[in-house]
């Protein structure tokens, strides 16, 4: 149980500070289509965590799905600013040693792109945001058209804390519809 609590606490920290793996594609996205107000319609996080300490190694599968969306992001240009408002819930199921546990949490953000105010820029197919705390998030634009915006990111980290090592490998996809 102690390991599950450590995994969950660090997992929540990762949710609030995700960044891209830095890979880039040669596809170019028209950033002008980004301008306007977008309403979140889907959130999905999947991945694995591996905790190693003096008692051994525990591997967990994690799946988080968004619920009760009441979250919008408005992108403007000249200057390239964004405002994120609202909240949503996240139902997270963690499966460890064949046993699943599910929790529902209220969320206001999933990294700096959905956290308050900030600036944005588009380079090729990557949306790069910087919030008011100077936290930078790079997300791949999977789809951008007149009615739909789909962003994704992945995170791989090794963290040592409390005498344990945590390996995290997660993927996040977030979908929006234009209001």
Foldseek 3Di string as FASTA:
>chain_A
DVVVVVVVVVVVVCQAAPAFPPDDDQAADDCVLVAAKWFWDWKWKWWKKWKQFPVGIKIKTKIKIKADTDKMKHFDVPPTKIAIDDKIKIWMWIAIPNDIDIDIDIGQGRYQRRDGMWGWDGDRQWIWTQHPVRRIHIWGFPDGDNFKTKTKHWDWDWDDDPRMIMTITMMMMIMITGD
